Amino acid sequence: MPESYLSGAVWRKSTRSSAVGQCVEVATLHGATAVRDSKHPTGPALIFTPSEWHAFVGSVQDGQFTHP
């Protein structure tokens, strides 16, 4: 995906992110969702289709990623 695809993205940091810099940022763009590391804003971003993002958020809400 070309870098220009992300150039107009409006990034949001989660309100649950730590103040220590261990954060992710999310942007909605052209029907997809992008995720990046807030410590490396010019680094790579992961791009999810709407169905992939919906499945991920649902899994988080169901507790599938909690620590034992």
PDB file of N, CA and C in Angstrom:
ATOM      1  N   MET A   1       0.845  -1.160   0.000  1.00  0.00           N
ATOM      2  CA  MET A   1       0.000   0.000   0.000  1.00  0.00           C
ATOM      3  C   MET A   1       0.900   1.236   0.000  1.00  0.00           C
ATOM      4  N   PRO A   2       0.627   2.197  -0.873  1.00  0.00           N
ATOM      5  CA  PRO A   2       1.492   3.372  -0.934  1.00  0.00           C
ATOM      6  C   PRO A   2       1.445   4.204   0.347  1.00  0.00           C
ATOM      7  N   GLU A   3       2.559   4.824   0.658  1.00  0.00           N
ATOM      8  CA  GLU A   3       2.660   5.652   1.862  1.00  0.00           C
ATOM      9  C   GLU A   3       1.653   6.808   1.822  1.00  0.00           C
ATOM     10  N   SER A   4       1.352   7.290   0.634  1.00  0.00           N
ATOM     11  CA  SER A   4       0.416   8.403   0.496  1.00  0.00           C
ATOM     12  C   SER A   4      -0.983   8.032   1.015  1.00  0.00           C
ATOM     13  N   TYR A   5      -1.285   6.753   1.056  1.00  0.00           N
ATOM     14  CA  TYR A   5      -2.573   6.274   1.559  1.00  0.00           C
ATOM     15  C   TYR A   5      -2.762   6.688   3.014  1.00  0.00           C
ATOM     16  N   LEU A   6      -1.669   6.774   3.764  1.00  0.00           N
ATOM     17  CA  LEU A   6      -1.729   7.122   5.184  1.00  0.00           C
ATOM     18  C   LEU A   6      -1.490   8.608   5.446  1.00  0.00           C
ATOM     19  N   SER A   7      -1.103   9.363   4.430  1.00  0.00           N
ATOM     20  CA  SER A   7      -0.690  10.750   4.646  1.00  0.00           C
ATOM     21  C   SER A   7      -1.800  11.626   5.218  1.00  0.00           C
ATOM     22  N   GLY A   8      -3.046  11.385   4.877  1.00  0.00           N
ATOM     23  CA  GLY A   8      -4.141  12.188   5.403  1.00  0.00           C
ATOM     24  C   GLY A   8      -4.832  11.579   6.607  1.00  0.00           C
ATOM     25  N   ALA A   9      -4.271  10.521   7.150  1.00  0.00           N
ATOM     26  CA  ALA A   9      -4.905   9.822   8.272  1.00  0.00           C
ATOM     27  C   ALA A   9      -4.923  10.691   9.522  1.00  0.00           C
ATOM     28  N   VAL A  10      -6.015  10.632  10.249  1.00  0.00           N
ATOM     29  CA  VAL A  10      -6.134  11.303  11.545  1.00  0.00           C
ATOM     30  C   VAL A  10      -6.006  10.219  12.608  1.00  0.00           C
ATOM     31  N   TRP A  11      -4.881  10.231  13.298  1.00  0.00           N
ATOM     32  CA  TRP A  11      -4.566   9.185  14.267  1.00  0.00           C
ATOM     33  C   TRP A  11      -5.131   9.526  15.635  1.00  0.00           C
ATOM     34  N   ARG A  12      -5.671   8.505  16.314  1.00  0.00           N
ATOM     35  CA  ARG A  12      -6.224   8.645  17.666  1.00  0.00           C
ATOM     36  C   ARG A  12      -5.519   7.641  18.583  1.00  0.00           C
ATOM     37  N   LYS A  13      -5.159   8.111  19.761  1.00  0.00           N
ATOM     38  CA  LYS A  13      -4.553   7.219  20.753  1.00  0.00           C
ATOM     39  C   LYS A  13      -5.650   6.735  21.687  1.00  0.00           C
ATOM     40  N   SER A  14      -5.592   5.496  22.057  1.00  0.00           N
ATOM     41  CA  SER A  14      -6.572   4.929  22.972  1.00  0.00           C
ATOM     42  C   SER A  14      -6.527   5.646  24.311  1.00  0.00           C
ATOM     43  N   THR A  15      -7.701   5.872  24.887  1.00  0.00           N
ATOM     44  CA  THR A  15      -7.764   6.468  26.218  1.00  0.00           C
ATOM     45  C   THR A  15      -7.257   5.497  27.281  1.00  0.00           C
ATOM     46  N   ARG A  16      -7.104   4.227  26.916  1.00  0.00           N
ATOM     47  CA  ARG A  16      -6.600   3.220  27.860  1.00  0.00           C
ATOM     48  C   ARG A  16      -5.095   3.016  27.722  1.00  0.00           C
ATOM     49  N   SER A  17      -4.451   3.778  26.866  1.00  0.00           N
ATOM     50  CA  SER A  17      -3.011   3.651  26.679  1.00  0.00           C
ATOM     51  C   SER A  17      -2.285   4.143  27.922  1.00  0.00           C
ATOM     52  N   SER A  18      -1.125   3.580  28.155  1.00  0.00           N
ATOM     53  CA  SER A  18      -0.346   3.972  29.326  1.00  0.00           C
ATOM     54  C   SER A  18       0.357   5.299  29.061  1.00  0.00           C
ATOM     55  N   ALA A  19       0.664   6.001  30.114  1.00  0.00           N
ATOM     56  CA  ALA A  19       1.370   7.273  29.999  1.00  0.00           C
ATOM     57  C   ALA A  19       2.854   7.070  29.751  1.00  0.00           C
ATOM     58  N   VAL A  20       3.311   5.830  29.785  1.00  0.00           N
ATOM     59  CA  VAL A  20       4.728   5.517  29.639  1.00  0.00           C
ATOM     60  C   VAL A  20       5.120   5.376  28.165  1.00  0.00           C
ATOM     61  N   GLY A  21       4.204   5.562  27.267  1.00  0.00           N
ATOM     62  CA  GLY A  21       4.522   5.485  25.852  1.00  0.00           C
ATOM     63  C   GLY A  21       4.257   4.132  25.222  1.00  0.00           C
ATOM     64  N   GLN A  22       3.619   3.239  25.938  1.00  0.00           N
ATOM     65  CA  GLN A  22       3.281   1.934  25.379  1.00  0.00           C
ATOM     66  C   GLN A  22       1.892   2.019  24.773  1.00  0.00           C
ATOM     67  N   CYS A  23       1.809   2.671  23.609  1.00  0.00           N
ATOM     68  CA  CYS A  23       0.511   2.990  23.044  1.00  0.00           C
ATOM     69  C   CYS A  23       0.421   2.572  21.582  1.00  0.00           C
ATOM     70  N   VAL A  24      -0.779   2.378  21.168  1.00  0.00           N
ATOM     71  CA  VAL A  24      -1.060   2.227  19.746  1.00  0.00           C
ATOM     72  C   VAL A  24      -1.985   3.358  19.345  1.00  0.00           C
ATOM     73  N   GLU A  25      -1.929   3.710  18.082  1.00  0.00           N
ATOM     74  CA  GLU A  25      -2.817   4.717  17.532  1.00  0.00           C
ATOM     75  C   GLU A  25      -3.605   4.074  16.411  1.00  0.00           C
ATOM     76  N   VAL A  26      -4.835   4.549  16.223  1.00  0.00           N
ATOM     77  CA  VAL A  26      -5.738   3.987  15.229  1.00  0.00           C
ATOM     78  C   VAL A  26      -6.230   5.118  14.334  1.00  0.00           C
ATOM     79  N   ALA A  27      -6.367   4.824  13.046  1.00  0.00           N
ATOM     80  CA  ALA A  27      -6.931   5.789  12.096  1.00  0.00           C
ATOM     81  C   ALA A  27      -7.900   5.060  11.181  1.00  0.00           C
ATOM     82  N   THR A  28      -8.997   5.731  10.859  1.00  0.00           N
ATOM     83  CA  THR A  28      -9.948   5.195   9.889  1.00  0.00           C
ATOM     84  C   THR A  28      -9.636   5.841   8.547  1.00  0.00           C
ATOM     85  N   LEU A  29      -9.478   5.020   7.525  1.00  0.00           N
ATOM     86  CA  LEU A  29      -9.171   5.568   6.211  1.00  0.00           C
ATOM     87  C   LEU A  29      -9.800   4.746   5.105  1.00  0.00           C
ATOM     88  N   HIS A  30     -10.497   5.425   4.249  1.00  0.00           N
ATOM     89  CA  HIS A  30     -11.044   4.824   3.020  1.00  0.00           C
ATOM     90  C   HIS A  30     -11.654   3.439   3.235  1.00  0.00           C
ATOM     91  N   GLY A  31     -12.433   3.275   4.294  1.00  0.00           N
ATOM     92  CA  GLY A  31     -13.090   2.005   4.538  1.00  0.00           C
ATOM     93  C   GLY A  31     -12.222   0.962   5.222  1.00  0.00           C
ATOM     94  N   ALA A  32     -11.054   1.334   5.670  1.00  0.00           N
ATOM     95  CA  ALA A  32     -10.164   0.403   6.365  1.00  0.00           C
ATOM     96  C   ALA A  32      -9.772   1.030   7.701  1.00  0.00           C
ATOM     97  N   THR A  33      -9.086   0.261   8.535  1.00  0.00           N
ATOM     98  CA  THR A  33      -8.583   0.755   9.816  1.00  0.00           C
ATOM     99  C   THR A  33      -7.085   0.507   9.860  1.00  0.00           C
ATOM    100  N   ALA A  34      -6.339   1.545  10.213  1.00  0.00           N
ATOM    101  CA  ALA A  34      -4.886   1.438  10.315  1.00  0.00           C
ATOM    102  C   ALA A  34      -4.488   1.509  11.787  1.00  0.00           C
ATOM    103  N   VAL A  35      -3.438   0.784  12.147  1.00  0.00           N
ATOM    104  CA  VAL A  35      -2.921   0.761  13.517  1.00  0.00           C
ATOM    105  C   VAL A  35      -1.410   0.926  13.439  1.00  0.00           C
ATOM    106  N   ARG A  36      -0.870   1.774  14.321  1.00  0.00           N
ATOM    107  CA  ARG A  36       0.585   1.972  14.360  1.00  0.00           C
ATOM    108  C   ARG A  36       1.057   2.143  15.793  1.00  0.00           C
ATOM    109  N   ASP A  37       2.357   2.032  15.990  1.00  0.00           N
ATOM    110  CA  ASP A  37       3.002   2.243  17.284  1.00  0.00           C
ATOM    111  C   ASP A  37       3.195   3.744  17.466  1.00  0.00           C
ATOM    112  N   SER A  38       2.672   4.309  18.538  1.00  0.00           N
ATOM    113  CA  SER A  38       2.764   5.753  18.748  1.00  0.00           C
ATOM    114  C   SER A  38       4.203   6.234  18.927  1.00  0.00           C
ATOM    115  N   LYS A  39       5.104   5.352  19.333  1.00  0.00           N
ATOM    116  CA  LYS A  39       6.507   5.733  19.499  1.00  0.00           C
ATOM    117  C   LYS A  39       7.224   5.860  18.156  1.00  0.00           C
ATOM    118  N   HIS A  40       6.647   5.305  17.104  1.00  0.00           N
ATOM    119  CA  HIS A  40       7.259   5.321  15.767  1.00  0.00           C
ATOM    120  C   HIS A  40       6.228   5.767  14.728  1.00  0.00           C
ATOM    121  N   PRO A  41       5.806   7.033  14.785  1.00  0.00           N
ATOM    122  CA  PRO A  41       4.734   7.482  13.896  1.00  0.00           C
ATOM    123  C   PRO A  41       5.083   7.436  12.412  1.00  0.00           C
ATOM    124  N   THR A  42       6.342   7.408  12.076  1.00  0.00           N
ATOM    125  CA  THR A  42       6.714   7.298  10.660  1.00  0.00           C
ATOM    126  C   THR A  42       7.030   5.858  10.264  1.00  0.00           C
ATOM    127  N   GLY A  43       6.886   4.945  11.215  1.00  0.00           N
ATOM    128  CA  GLY A  43       7.149   3.531  10.944  1.00  0.00           C
ATOM    129  C   GLY A  43       5.969   2.878  10.257  1.00  0.00           C
ATOM    130  N   PRO A  44       5.997   1.566  10.145  1.00  0.00           N
ATOM    131  CA  PRO A  44       4.936   0.846   9.442  1.00  0.00           C
ATOM    132  C   PRO A  44       3.609   0.884  10.199  1.00  0.00           C
ATOM    133  N   ALA A  45       2.546   0.687   9.442  1.00  0.00           N
ATOM    134  CA  ALA A  45       1.204   0.600  10.020  1.00  0.00           C
ATOM    135  C   ALA A  45       0.562  -0.682   9.515  1.00  0.00           C
ATOM    136  N   LEU A  46      -0.250  -1.280  10.344  1.00  0.00           N
ATOM    137  CA  LEU A  46      -1.037  -2.442   9.943  1.00  0.00           C
ATOM    138  C   LEU A  46      -2.372  -1.934   9.423  1.00  0.00           C
ATOM    139  N   ILE A  47      -2.833  -2.492   8.307  1.00  0.00           N
ATOM    140  CA  ILE A  47      -4.093  -2.081   7.702  1.00  0.00           C
ATOM    141  C   ILE A  47      -5.069  -3.252   7.777  1.00  0.00           C
ATOM    142  N   PHE A  48      -6.265  -3.011   8.325  1.00  0.00           N
ATOM    143  CA  PHE A  48      -7.284  -4.034   8.475  1.00  0.00           C
ATOM    144  C   PHE A  48      -8.510  -3.695   7.647  1.00  0.00           C
ATOM    145  N   THR A  49      -9.091  -4.691   7.018  1.00  0.00           N
ATOM    146  CA  THR A  49     -10.373  -4.510   6.349  1.00  0.00           C
ATOM    147  C   THR A  49     -11.440  -4.350   7.426  1.00  0.00           C
ATOM    148  N   PRO A  50     -12.616  -3.852   7.076  1.00  0.00           N
ATOM    149  CA  PRO A  50     -13.669  -3.733   8.093  1.00  0.00           C
ATOM    150  C   PRO A  50     -13.998  -5.059   8.785  1.00  0.00           C
ATOM    151  N   SER A  51     -14.054  -6.149   8.041  1.00  0.00           N
ATOM    152  CA  SER A  51     -14.382  -7.435   8.672  1.00  0.00           C
ATOM    153  C   SER A  51     -13.258  -7.916   9.585  1.00  0.00           C
ATOM    154  N   GLU A  52     -12.013  -7.690   9.205  1.00  0.00           N
ATOM    155  CA  GLU A  52     -10.887  -8.070  10.068  1.00  0.00           C
ATOM    156  C   GLU A  52     -10.904  -7.257  11.361  1.00  0.00           C
ATOM    157  N   TRP A  53     -11.151  -5.948  11.241  1.00  0.00           N
ATOM    158  CA  TRP A  53     -11.177  -5.083  12.426  1.00  0.00           C
ATOM    159  C   TRP A  53     -12.327  -5.470  13.348  1.00  0.00           C
ATOM    160  N   HIS A  54     -13.486  -5.726  12.785  1.00  0.00           N
ATOM    161  CA  HIS A  54     -14.652  -6.132  13.568  1.00  0.00           C
ATOM    162  C   HIS A  54     -14.357  -7.438  14.324  1.00  0.00           C
ATOM    163  N   ALA A  55     -13.725  -8.390  13.664  1.00  0.00           N
ATOM    164  CA  ALA A  55     -13.383  -9.662  14.308  1.00  0.00           C
ATOM    165  C   ALA A  55     -12.376  -9.440  15.445  1.00  0.00           C
ATOM    166  N   PHE A  56     -11.394  -8.580  15.223  1.00  0.00           N
ATOM    167  CA  PHE A  56     -10.401  -8.293  16.253  1.00  0.00           C
ATOM    168  C   PHE A  56     -11.046  -7.637  17.475  1.00  0.00           C
ATOM    169  N   VAL A  57     -11.835  -6.582  17.248  1.00  0.00           N
ATOM    170  CA  VAL A  57     -12.486  -5.883  18.352  1.00  0.00           C
ATOM    171  C   VAL A  57     -13.413  -6.835  19.112  1.00  0.00           C
ATOM    172  N   GLY A  58     -14.143  -7.669  18.397  1.00  0.00           N
ATOM    173  CA  GLY A  58     -15.014  -8.647  19.048  1.00  0.00           C
ATOM    174  C   GLY A  58     -14.227  -9.611  19.916  1.00  0.00           C
ATOM    175  N   SER A  59     -13.070 -10.047  19.437  1.00  0.00           N
ATOM    176  CA  SER A  59     -12.224 -10.962  20.217  1.00  0.00           C
ATOM    177  C   SER A  59     -11.703 -10.293  21.479  1.00  0.00           C
ATOM    178  N   VAL A  60     -11.334  -9.022  21.373  1.00  0.00           N
ATOM    179  CA  VAL A  60     -10.876  -8.284  22.558  1.00  0.00           C
ATOM    180  C   VAL A  60     -12.012  -8.181  23.568  1.00  0.00           C
ATOM    181  N   GLN A  61     -13.191  -7.820  23.099  1.00  0.00           N
ATOM    182  CA  GLN A  61     -14.341  -7.682  23.991  1.00  0.00           C
ATOM    183  C   GLN A  61     -14.725  -9.009  24.635  1.00  0.00           C
ATOM    184  N   ASP A  62     -14.484 -10.112  23.947  1.00  0.00           N
ATOM    185  CA  ASP A  62     -14.796 -11.431  24.498  1.00  0.00           C
ATOM    186  C   ASP A  62     -13.724 -11.934  25.464  1.00  0.00           C
ATOM    187  N   GLY A  63     -12.628 -11.175  25.630  1.00  0.00           N
ATOM    188  CA  GLY A  63     -11.578 -11.549  26.554  1.00  0.00           C
ATOM    189  C   GLY A  63     -10.594 -12.570  26.037  1.00  0.00           C
ATOM    190  N   GLN A  64     -10.512 -12.733  24.723  1.00  0.00           N
ATOM    191  CA  GLN A  64      -9.617 -13.751  24.153  1.00  0.00           C
ATOM    192  C   GLN A  64      -8.142 -13.383  24.260  1.00  0.00           C
ATOM    193  N   PHE A  65      -7.836 -12.129  24.608  1.00  0.00           N
ATOM    194  CA  PHE A  65      -6.435 -11.716  24.669  1.00  0.00           C
ATOM    195  C   PHE A  65      -6.005 -11.330  26.086  1.00  0.00           C
ATOM    196  N   THR A  66      -6.733 -11.778  27.098  1.00  0.00           N
ATOM    197  CA  THR A  66      -6.358 -11.456  28.465  1.00  0.00           C
ATOM    198  C   THR A  66      -5.211 -12.358  28.914  1.00  0.00           C
ATOM    199  N   HIS A  67      -4.430 -11.828  29.837  1.00  0.00           N
ATOM    200  CA  HIS A  67      -3.329 -12.622  30.400  1.00  0.00           C
ATOM    201  C   HIS A  67      -3.893 -13.633  31.388  1.00  0.00           C
ATOM    202  N   PRO A  68      -3.280 -14.820  31.464  1.00  0.00           N
ATOM    203  CA  PRO A  68      -3.759 -15.834  32.421  1.00  0.00           C
ATOM    204  C   PRO A  68      -3.529 -15.403  33.858  1.00  0.00           C
TER     205      PRO A  68
END
